[in-house]
Amino acid sequence: MFKILDPLLHSPLRLAIVSLLIGLEEAEFVYLKEKTKASAGNLSLQIDKLHLAEYIKVTKGFKGKYPVTICKITPKGFSAFEEYVSSIKSYIHIED
């Protein structure tokens, strides 16, 4: 019948983060903040949850003198996103 939705991706902000990263090689924290319109604290918390689940890889470094956080989707995250989309389709009866 209906597939179970991944609770990690069912959060609007986490889904937005993963959706953005699906189409990009990588994205900086500032870019994700701008696109999602999330507060820095909330975005950081959601990125940590995705990172702990191994859905994204987080790399911290510097760009000149300024700290930079870069996020990249992992194969596990990509698969989880595809499964999530498939589950959503089961709710709206779309066949591949």
PDB file of N, CA and C in Angstrom:
ATOM      1  N   MET A   1       0.851  -1.188   0.000  1.00  0.00           N
ATOM      2  CA  MET A   1       0.000   0.000   0.000  1.00  0.00           C
ATOM      3  C   MET A   1       0.888   1.240   0.000  1.00  0.00           C
ATOM      4  N   PHE A   2       0.896   1.965   1.101  1.00  0.00           N
ATOM      5  CA  PHE A   2       1.722   3.164   1.184  1.00  0.00           C
ATOM      6  C   PHE A   2       3.077   2.821   1.777  1.00  0.00           C
ATOM      7  N   LYS A   3       4.107   3.376   1.188  1.00  0.00           N
ATOM      8  CA  LYS A   3       5.454   3.166   1.703  1.00  0.00           C
ATOM      9  C   LYS A   3       5.688   4.098   2.884  1.00  0.00           C
ATOM     10  N   ILE A   4       6.537   3.679   3.789  1.00  0.00           N
ATOM     11  CA  ILE A   4       6.887   4.510   4.944  1.00  0.00           C
ATOM     12  C   ILE A   4       7.819   5.627   4.492  1.00  0.00           C
ATOM     13  N   LEU A   5       7.548   6.835   4.956  1.00  0.00           N
ATOM     14  CA  LEU A   5       8.384   7.987   4.623  1.00  0.00           C
ATOM     15  C   LEU A   5       9.548   8.080   5.608  1.00  0.00           C
ATOM     16  N   ASP A   6      10.725   8.297   5.080  1.00  0.00           N
ATOM     17  CA  ASP A   6      11.929   8.443   5.897  1.00  0.00           C
ATOM     18  C   ASP A   6      11.741   9.649   6.819  1.00  0.00           C
ATOM     19  N   PRO A   7      11.670   9.448   8.139  1.00  0.00           N
ATOM     20  CA  PRO A   7      11.437  10.573   9.041  1.00  0.00           C
ATOM     21  C   PRO A   7      12.544  11.616   9.007  1.00  0.00           C
ATOM     22  N   LEU A   8      13.744  11.198   8.648  1.00  0.00           N
ATOM     23  CA  LEU A   8      14.844  12.155   8.558  1.00  0.00           C
ATOM     24  C   LEU A   8      14.626  13.130   7.403  1.00  0.00           C
ATOM     25  N   LEU A   9      14.106  12.642   6.300  1.00  0.00           N
ATOM     26  CA  LEU A   9      13.870  13.502   5.140  1.00  0.00           C
ATOM     27  C   LEU A   9      12.488  14.141   5.151  1.00  0.00           C
ATOM     28  N   HIS A  10      11.630  13.716   6.044  1.00  0.00           N
ATOM     29  CA  HIS A  10      10.275  14.265   6.072  1.00  0.00           C
ATOM     30  C   HIS A  10      10.216  15.648   6.714  1.00  0.00           C
ATOM     31  N   SER A  11      11.305  16.089   7.288  1.00  0.00           N
ATOM     32  CA  SER A  11      11.409  17.452   7.813  1.00  0.00           C
ATOM     33  C   SER A  11      11.592  18.403   6.628  1.00  0.00           C
ATOM     34  N   PRO A  12      10.810  19.464   6.544  1.00  0.00           N
ATOM     35  CA  PRO A  12      10.919  20.366   5.393  1.00  0.00           C
ATOM     36  C   PRO A  12      12.331  20.926   5.166  1.00  0.00           C
ATOM     37  N   LEU A  13      13.011  21.332   6.227  1.00  0.00           N
ATOM     38  CA  LEU A  13      14.342  21.917   6.040  1.00  0.00           C
ATOM     39  C   LEU A  13      15.357  20.858   5.617  1.00  0.00           C
ATOM     40  N   ARG A  14      15.325  19.685   6.234  1.00  0.00           N
ATOM     41  CA  ARG A  14      16.267  18.634   5.829  1.00  0.00           C
ATOM     42  C   ARG A  14      15.996  18.188   4.399  1.00  0.00           C
ATOM     43  N   LEU A  15      14.729  18.108   4.024  1.00  0.00           N
ATOM     44  CA  LEU A  15      14.385  17.753   2.649  1.00  0.00           C
ATOM     45  C   LEU A  15      14.894  18.825   1.684  1.00  0.00           C
ATOM     46  N   ALA A  16      14.772  20.092   2.063  1.00  0.00           N
ATOM     47  CA  ALA A  16      15.267  21.182   1.218  1.00  0.00           C
ATOM     48  C   ALA A  16      16.782  21.096   1.047  1.00  0.00           C
ATOM     49  N   ILE A  17      17.487  20.820   2.120  1.00  0.00           N
ATOM     50  CA  ILE A  17      18.952  20.715   2.059  1.00  0.00           C
ATOM     51  C   ILE A  17      19.355  19.600   1.092  1.00  0.00           C
ATOM     52  N   VAL A  18      18.778  18.430   1.279  1.00  0.00           N
ATOM     53  CA  VAL A  18      19.118  17.287   0.428  1.00  0.00           C
ATOM     54  C   VAL A  18      18.696  17.556  -1.012  1.00  0.00           C
ATOM     55  N   SER A  19      17.546  18.155  -1.215  1.00  0.00           N
ATOM     56  CA  SER A  19      17.079  18.478  -2.569  1.00  0.00           C
ATOM     57  C   SER A  19      18.046  19.412  -3.280  1.00  0.00           C
ATOM     58  N   LEU A  20      18.553  20.388  -2.564  1.00  0.00           N
ATOM     59  CA  LEU A  20      19.533  21.304  -3.160  1.00  0.00           C
ATOM     60  C   LEU A  20      20.832  20.576  -3.495  1.00  0.00           C
ATOM     61  N   LEU A  21      21.281  19.731  -2.592  1.00  0.00           N
ATOM     62  CA  LEU A  21      22.557  19.046  -2.794  1.00  0.00           C
ATOM     63  C   LEU A  21      22.502  17.981  -3.886  1.00  0.00           C
ATOM     64  N   ILE A  22      21.322  17.443  -4.157  1.00  0.00           N
ATOM     65  CA  ILE A  22      21.169  16.427  -5.208  1.00  0.00           C
ATOM     66  C   ILE A  22      21.668  16.964  -6.550  1.00  0.00           C
ATOM     67  N   GLY A  23      21.370  18.220  -6.830  1.00  0.00           N
ATOM     68  CA  GLY A  23      21.728  18.798  -8.126  1.00  0.00           C
ATOM     69  C   GLY A  23      23.074  19.498  -8.161  1.00  0.00           C
ATOM     70  N   LEU A  24      23.792  19.495  -7.056  1.00  0.00           N
ATOM     71  CA  LEU A  24      25.072  20.209  -6.984  1.00  0.00           C
ATOM     72  C   LEU A  24      26.189  19.248  -6.594  1.00  0.00           C
ATOM     73  N   GLU A  25      27.391  19.549  -7.012  1.00  0.00           N
ATOM     74  CA  GLU A  25      28.535  18.753  -6.569  1.00  0.00           C
ATOM     75  C   GLU A  25      28.746  18.959  -5.076  1.00  0.00           C
ATOM     76  N   GLU A  26      28.613  20.219  -4.641  1.00  0.00           N
ATOM     77  CA  GLU A  26      28.729  20.576  -3.233  1.00  0.00           C
ATOM     78  C   GLU A  26      28.178  21.975  -3.056  1.00  0.00           C
ATOM     79  N   ALA A  27      27.912  22.343  -1.802  1.00  0.00           N
ATOM     80  CA  ALA A  27      27.379  23.685  -1.534  1.00  0.00           C
ATOM     81  C   ALA A  27      27.913  24.181  -0.198  1.00  0.00           C
ATOM     82  N   GLU A  28      28.187  25.467  -0.157  1.00  0.00           N
ATOM     83  CA  GLU A  28      28.633  26.088   1.082  1.00  0.00           C
ATOM     84  C   GLU A  28      27.435  26.364   1.981  1.00  0.00           C
ATOM     85  N   PHE A  29      27.697  26.407   3.269  1.00  0.00           N
ATOM     86  CA  PHE A  29      26.675  26.686   4.277  1.00  0.00           C
ATOM     87  C   PHE A  29      25.926  27.970   3.932  1.00  0.00           C
ATOM     88  N   VAL A  30      26.658  28.999   3.544  1.00  0.00           N
ATOM     89  CA  VAL A  30      26.044  30.305   3.235  1.00  0.00           C
ATOM     90  C   VAL A  30      25.046  30.172   2.088  1.00  0.00           C
ATOM     91  N   TYR A  31      25.386  29.392   1.071  1.00  0.00           N
ATOM     92  CA  TYR A  31      24.488  29.171  -0.057  1.00  0.00           C
ATOM     93  C   TYR A  31      23.212  28.466   0.412  1.00  0.00           C
ATOM     94  N   LEU A  32      23.377  27.413   1.220  1.00  0.00           N
ATOM     95  CA  LEU A  32      22.214  26.683   1.723  1.00  0.00           C
ATOM     96  C   LEU A  32      21.342  27.583   2.597  1.00  0.00           C
ATOM     97  N   LYS A  33      21.968  28.421   3.394  1.00  0.00           N
ATOM     98  CA  LYS A  33      21.228  29.354   4.256  1.00  0.00           C
ATOM     99  C   LYS A  33      20.416  30.331   3.411  1.00  0.00           C
ATOM    100  N   GLU A  34      21.043  30.829   2.359  1.00  0.00           N
ATOM    101  CA  GLU A  34      20.367  31.786   1.471  1.00  0.00           C
ATOM    102  C   GLU A  34      19.185  31.130   0.752  1.00  0.00           C
ATOM    103  N   LYS A  35      19.387  29.922   0.247  1.00  0.00           N
ATOM    104  CA  LYS A  35      18.337  29.245  -0.527  1.00  0.00           C
ATOM    105  C   LYS A  35      17.191  28.742   0.341  1.00  0.00           C
ATOM    106  N   THR A  36      17.491  28.298   1.554  1.00  0.00           N
ATOM    107  CA  THR A  36      16.439  27.751   2.416  1.00  0.00           C
ATOM    108  C   THR A  36      15.775  28.814   3.282  1.00  0.00           C
ATOM    109  N   LYS A  37      16.420  29.958   3.409  1.00  0.00           N
ATOM    110  CA  LYS A  37      15.934  31.059   4.261  1.00  0.00           C
ATOM    111  C   LYS A  37      15.856  30.635   5.737  1.00  0.00           C
ATOM    112  N   ALA A  38      16.659  29.659   6.113  1.00  0.00           N
ATOM    113  CA  ALA A  38      16.690  29.173   7.491  1.00  0.00           C
ATOM    114  C   ALA A  38      17.654  30.016   8.324  1.00  0.00           C
ATOM    115  N   SER A  39      17.452  30.009   9.620  1.00  0.00           N
ATOM    116  CA  SER A  39      18.408  30.682  10.497  1.00  0.00           C
ATOM    117  C   SER A  39      19.685  29.833  10.529  1.00  0.00           C
ATOM    118  N   ALA A  40      20.787  30.469  10.837  1.00  0.00           N
ATOM    119  CA  ALA A  40      22.070  29.768  10.881  1.00  0.00           C
ATOM    120  C   ALA A  40      22.030  28.625  11.895  1.00  0.00           C
ATOM    121  N   GLY A  41      21.441  28.870  13.061  1.00  0.00           N
ATOM    122  CA  GLY A  41      21.380  27.850  14.099  1.00  0.00           C
ATOM    123  C   GLY A  41      20.556  26.648  13.691  1.00  0.00           C
ATOM    124  N   ASN A  42      19.383  26.878  13.121  1.00  0.00           N
ATOM    125  CA  ASN A  42      18.523  25.781  12.700  1.00  0.00           C
ATOM    126  C   ASN A  42      19.157  25.005  11.549  1.00  0.00           C
ATOM    127  N   LEU A  43      19.730  25.729  10.590  1.00  0.00           N
ATOM    128  CA  LEU A  43      20.380  25.064   9.461  1.00  0.00           C
ATOM    129  C   LEU A  43      21.534  24.196   9.951  1.00  0.00           C
ATOM    130  N   SER A  44      22.320  24.720  10.860  1.00  0.00           N
ATOM    131  CA  SER A  44      23.449  23.973  11.419  1.00  0.00           C
ATOM    132  C   SER A  44      22.968  22.692  12.108  1.00  0.00           C
ATOM    133  N   LEU A  45      21.913  22.786  12.873  1.00  0.00           N
ATOM    134  CA  LEU A  45      21.348  21.624  13.568  1.00  0.00           C
ATOM    135  C   LEU A  45      20.882  20.559  12.577  1.00  0.00           C
ATOM    136  N   GLN A  46      20.195  20.976  11.524  1.00  0.00           N
ATOM    137  CA  GLN A  46      19.671  20.027  10.538  1.00  0.00           C
ATOM    138  C   GLN A  46      20.803  19.399   9.714  1.00  0.00           C
ATOM    139  N   ILE A  47      21.819  20.182   9.402  1.00  0.00           N
ATOM    140  CA  ILE A  47      22.988  19.649   8.697  1.00  0.00           C
ATOM    141  C   ILE A  47      23.669  18.595   9.562  1.00  0.00           C
ATOM    142  N   ASP A  48      23.791  18.866  10.861  1.00  0.00           N
ATOM    143  CA  ASP A  48      24.391  17.885  11.774  1.00  0.00           C
ATOM    144  C   ASP A  48      23.608  16.575  11.774  1.00  0.00           C
ATOM    145  N   LYS A  49      22.285  16.648  11.779  1.00  0.00           N
ATOM    146  CA  LYS A  49      21.458  15.436  11.766  1.00  0.00           C
ATOM    147  C   LYS A  49      21.673  14.644  10.481  1.00  0.00           C
ATOM    148  N   LEU A  50      21.738  15.336   9.360  1.00  0.00           N
ATOM    149  CA  LEU A  50      21.971  14.662   8.087  1.00  0.00           C
ATOM    150  C   LEU A  50      23.379  14.068   8.030  1.00  0.00           C
ATOM    151  N   HIS A  51      24.325  14.775   8.604  1.00  0.00           N
ATOM    152  CA  HIS A  51      25.705  14.302   8.639  1.00  0.00           C
ATOM    153  C   HIS A  51      25.827  13.051   9.519  1.00  0.00           C
ATOM    154  N   LEU A  52      25.199  13.060  10.683  1.00  0.00           N
ATOM    155  CA  LEU A  52      25.235  11.898  11.583  1.00  0.00           C
ATOM    156  C   LEU A  52      24.600  10.666  10.943  1.00  0.00           C
ATOM    157  N   ALA A  53      23.599  10.886  10.111  1.00  0.00           N
ATOM    158  CA  ALA A  53      22.934   9.782   9.402  1.00  0.00           C
ATOM    159  C   ALA A  53      23.718   9.364   8.156  1.00  0.00           C
ATOM    160  N   GLU A  54      24.813  10.071   7.883  1.00  0.00           N
ATOM    161  CA  GLU A  54      25.669   9.823   6.714  1.00  0.00           C
ATOM    162  C   GLU A  54      24.951  10.092   5.389  1.00  0.00           C
ATOM    163  N   TYR A  55      23.975  11.005   5.422  1.00  0.00           N
ATOM    164  CA  TYR A  55      23.297  11.415   4.197  1.00  0.00           C
ATOM    165  C   TYR A  55      24.098  12.500   3.486  1.00  0.00           C
ATOM    166  N   ILE A  56      24.865  13.265   4.244  1.00  0.00           N
ATOM    167  CA  ILE A  56      25.728  14.281   3.659  1.00  0.00           C
ATOM    168  C   ILE A  56      27.106  14.221   4.319  1.00  0.00           C
ATOM    169  N   LYS A  57      28.091  14.719   3.586  1.00  0.00           N
ATOM    170  CA  LYS A  57      29.448  14.846   4.110  1.00  0.00           C
ATOM    171  C   LYS A  57      29.669  16.332   4.367  1.00  0.00           C
ATOM    172  N   VAL A  58      30.228  16.650   5.513  1.00  0.00           N
ATOM    173  CA  VAL A  58      30.480  18.037   5.878  1.00  0.00           C
ATOM    174  C   VAL A  58      31.991  18.229   6.022  1.00  0.00           C
ATOM    175  N   THR A  59      32.506  19.224   5.322  1.00  0.00           N
ATOM    176  CA  THR A  59      33.921  19.553   5.384  1.00  0.00           C
ATOM    177  C   THR A  59      34.052  20.999   5.848  1.00  0.00           C
ATOM    178  N   LYS A  60      34.872  21.196   6.855  1.00  0.00           N
ATOM    179  CA  LYS A  60      35.106  22.553   7.357  1.00  0.00           C
ATOM    180  C   LYS A  60      36.524  22.963   6.990  1.00  0.00           C
ATOM    181  N   GLY A  61      36.656  24.205   6.581  1.00  0.00           N
ATOM    182  CA  GLY A  61      37.959  24.720   6.191  1.00  0.00           C
ATOM    183  C   GLY A  61      37.952  26.230   6.210  1.00  0.00           C
ATOM    184  N   PHE A  62      38.823  26.803   5.425  1.00  0.00           N
ATOM    185  CA  PHE A  62      38.916  28.252   5.338  1.00  0.00           C
ATOM    186  C   PHE A  62      38.955  28.687   3.890  1.00  0.00           C
ATOM    187  N   LYS A  63      38.346  29.832   3.630  1.00  0.00           N
ATOM    188  CA  LYS A  63      38.414  30.503   2.343  1.00  0.00           C
ATOM    189  C   LYS A  63      39.096  31.825   2.654  1.00  0.00           C
ATOM    190  N   GLY A  64      40.385  31.867   2.390  1.00  0.00           N
ATOM    191  CA  GLY A  64      41.151  33.023   2.850  1.00  0.00           C
ATOM    192  C   GLY A  64      41.233  32.961   4.364  1.00  0.00           C
ATOM    193  N   LYS A  65      40.804  34.035   5.017  1.00  0.00           N
ATOM    194  CA  LYS A  65      40.817  34.092   6.478  1.00  0.00           C
ATOM    195  C   LYS A  65      39.499  33.630   7.100  1.00  0.00           C
ATOM    196  N   TYR A  66      38.506  33.360   6.269  1.00  0.00           N
ATOM    197  CA  TYR A  66      37.164  33.098   6.771  1.00  0.00           C
ATOM    198  C   TYR A  66      36.838  31.602   6.799  1.00  0.00           C
ATOM    199  N   PRO A  67      36.201  31.155   7.887  1.00  0.00           N
ATOM    200  CA  PRO A  67      35.807  29.742   7.945  1.00  0.00           C
ATOM    201  C   PRO A  67      34.712  29.452   6.926  1.00  0.00           C
ATOM    202  N   VAL A  68      34.741  28.244   6.389  1.00  0.00           N
ATOM    203  CA  VAL A  68      33.733  27.830   5.419  1.00  0.00           C
ATOM    204  C   VAL A  68      33.344  26.379   5.716  1.00  0.00           C
ATOM    205  N   THR A  69      32.052  26.114   5.610  1.00  0.00           N
ATOM    206  CA  THR A  69      31.521  24.763   5.767  1.00  0.00           C
ATOM    207  C   THR A  69      30.941  24.341   4.423  1.00  0.00           C
ATOM    208  N   ILE A  70      31.387  23.196   3.936  1.00  0.00           N
ATOM    209  CA  ILE A  70      30.939  22.699   2.638  1.00  0.00           C
ATOM    210  C   ILE A  70      30.200  21.374   2.846  1.00  0.00           C
ATOM    211  N   CYS A  71      29.046  21.270   2.221  1.00  0.00           N
ATOM    212  CA  CYS A  71      28.220  20.063   2.325  1.00  0.00           C
ATOM    213  C   CYS A  71      28.138  19.387   0.967  1.00  0.00           C
ATOM    214  N   LYS A  72      28.125  18.065   1.016  1.00  0.00           N
ATOM    215  CA  LYS A  72      28.038  17.269  -0.211  1.00  0.00           C
ATOM    216  C   LYS A  72      27.167  16.050   0.071  1.00  0.00           C
ATOM    217  N   ILE A  73      26.304  15.711  -0.869  1.00  0.00           N
ATOM    218  CA  ILE A  73      25.449  14.537  -0.720  1.00  0.00           C
ATOM    219  C   ILE A  73      26.310  13.272  -0.818  1.00  0.00           C
ATOM    220  N   THR A  74      25.985  12.263  -0.033  1.00  0.00           N
ATOM    221  CA  THR A  74      26.696  10.984  -0.089  1.00  0.00           C
ATOM    222  C   THR A  74      25.864   9.995  -0.910  1.00  0.00           C
ATOM    223  N   PRO A  75      26.455   8.885  -1.316  1.00  0.00           N
ATOM    224  CA  PRO A  75      25.651   7.865  -2.001  1.00  0.00           C
ATOM    225  C   PRO A  75      24.469   7.390  -1.141  1.00  0.00           C
ATOM    226  N   LYS A  76      24.683   7.258   0.159  1.00  0.00           N
ATOM    227  CA  LYS A  76      23.596   6.868   1.061  1.00  0.00           C
ATOM    228  C   LYS A  76      22.487   7.918   1.058  1.00  0.00           C
ATOM    229  N   GLY A  77      22.863   9.186   1.063  1.00  0.00           N
ATOM    230  CA  GLY A  77      21.883  10.268   1.027  1.00  0.00           C
ATOM    231  C   GLY A  77      21.128  10.299  -0.287  1.00  0.00           C
ATOM    232  N   PHE A  78      21.848  10.054  -1.375  1.00  0.00           N
ATOM    233  CA  PHE A  78      21.221  10.029  -2.693  1.00  0.00           C
ATOM    234  C   PHE A  78      20.186   8.906  -2.761  1.00  0.00           C
ATOM    235  N   SER A  79      20.569   7.720  -2.267  1.00  0.00           N
ATOM    236  CA  SER A  79      19.637   6.582  -2.258  1.00  0.00           C
ATOM    237  C   SER A  79      18.426   6.857  -1.373  1.00  0.00           C
ATOM    238  N   ALA A  80      18.666   7.468  -0.215  1.00  0.00           N
ATOM    239  CA  ALA A  80      17.562   7.793   0.696  1.00  0.00           C
ATOM    240  C   ALA A  80      16.600   8.776   0.041  1.00  0.00           C
ATOM    241  N   PHE A  81      17.139   9.744  -0.696  1.00  0.00           N
ATOM    242  CA  PHE A  81      16.298  10.721  -1.384  1.00  0.00           C
ATOM    243  C   PHE A  81      15.463  10.036  -2.462  1.00  0.00           C
ATOM    244  N   GLU A  82      16.099   9.153  -3.246  1.00  0.00           N
ATOM    245  CA  GLU A  82      15.363   8.435  -4.296  1.00  0.00           C
ATOM    246  C   GLU A  82      14.244   7.596  -3.689  1.00  0.00           C
ATOM    247  N   GLU A  83      14.517   6.935  -2.581  1.00  0.00           N
ATOM    248  CA  GLU A  83      13.505   6.114  -1.909  1.00  0.00           C
ATOM    249  C   GLU A  83      12.373   6.995  -1.363  1.00  0.00           C
ATOM    250  N   TYR A  84      12.746   8.160  -0.842  1.00  0.00           N
ATOM    251  CA  TYR A  84      11.743   9.092  -0.320  1.00  0.00           C
ATOM    252  C   TYR A  84      10.802   9.542  -1.444  1.00  0.00           C
ATOM    253  N   VAL A  85      11.389   9.894  -2.584  1.00  0.00           N
ATOM    254  CA  VAL A  85      10.578  10.320  -3.731  1.00  0.00           C
ATOM    255  C   VAL A  85       9.667   9.183  -4.180  1.00  0.00           C
ATOM    256  N   SER A  86      10.198   7.972  -4.208  1.00  0.00           N
ATOM    257  CA  SER A  86       9.392   6.807  -4.575  1.00  0.00           C
ATOM    258  C   SER A  86       8.224   6.615  -3.595  1.00  0.00           C
ATOM    259  N   SER A  87       8.510   6.805  -2.318  1.00  0.00           N
ATOM    260  CA  SER A  87       7.459   6.680  -1.297  1.00  0.00           C
ATOM    261  C   SER A  87       6.378   7.733  -1.486  1.00  0.00           C
ATOM    262  N   ILE A  88       6.780   8.954  -1.760  1.00  0.00           N
ATOM    263  CA  ILE A  88       5.810  10.040  -1.999  1.00  0.00           C
ATOM    264  C   ILE A  88       4.937   9.695  -3.204  1.00  0.00           C
ATOM    265  N   LYS A  89       5.566   9.157  -4.242  1.00  0.00           N
ATOM    266  CA  LYS A  89       4.797   8.785  -5.434  1.00  0.00           C
ATOM    267  C   LYS A  89       3.728   7.748  -5.107  1.00  0.00           C
ATOM    268  N   SER A  90       4.013   6.862  -4.159  1.00  0.00           N
ATOM    269  CA  SER A  90       3.013   5.851  -3.802  1.00  0.00           C
ATOM    270  C   SER A  90       1.785   6.494  -3.167  1.00  0.00           C
ATOM    271  N   TYR A  91       1.966   7.640  -2.552  1.00  0.00           N
ATOM    272  CA  TYR A  91       0.836   8.345  -1.936  1.00  0.00           C
ATOM    273  C   TYR A  91      -0.035   9.042  -2.983  1.00  0.00           C
ATOM    274  N   ILE A  92       0.594   9.443  -4.075  1.00  0.00           N
ATOM    275  CA  ILE A  92      -0.165  10.173  -5.099  1.00  0.00           C
ATOM    276  C   ILE A  92      -0.387   9.332  -6.363  1.00  0.00           C
ATOM    277  N   HIS A  93      -0.066   8.041  -6.248  1.00  0.00           N
ATOM    278  CA  HIS A  93      -0.351   7.060  -7.295  1.00  0.00           C
ATOM    279  C   HIS A  93       0.301   7.382  -8.637  1.00  0.00           C
ATOM    280  N   ILE A  94       1.571   7.754  -8.589  1.00  0.00           N
ATOM    281  CA  ILE A  94       2.335   7.973  -9.826  1.00  0.00           C
ATOM    282  C   ILE A  94       3.206   6.748 -10.042  1.00  0.00           C
ATOM    283  N   GLU A  95       3.130   6.195 -11.213  1.00  0.00           N
ATOM    284  CA  GLU A  95       3.943   5.039 -11.567  1.00  0.00           C
ATOM    285  C   GLU A  95       5.156   5.521 -12.359  1.00  0.00           C
ATOM    286  N   ASP A  96       6.291   4.864 -12.121  1.00  0.00           N
ATOM    287  CA  ASP A  96       7.508   5.191 -12.902  1.00  0.00           C
ATOM    288  C   ASP A  96       7.429   4.585 -14.279  1.00  0.00           C
TER     289      ASP A  96
END
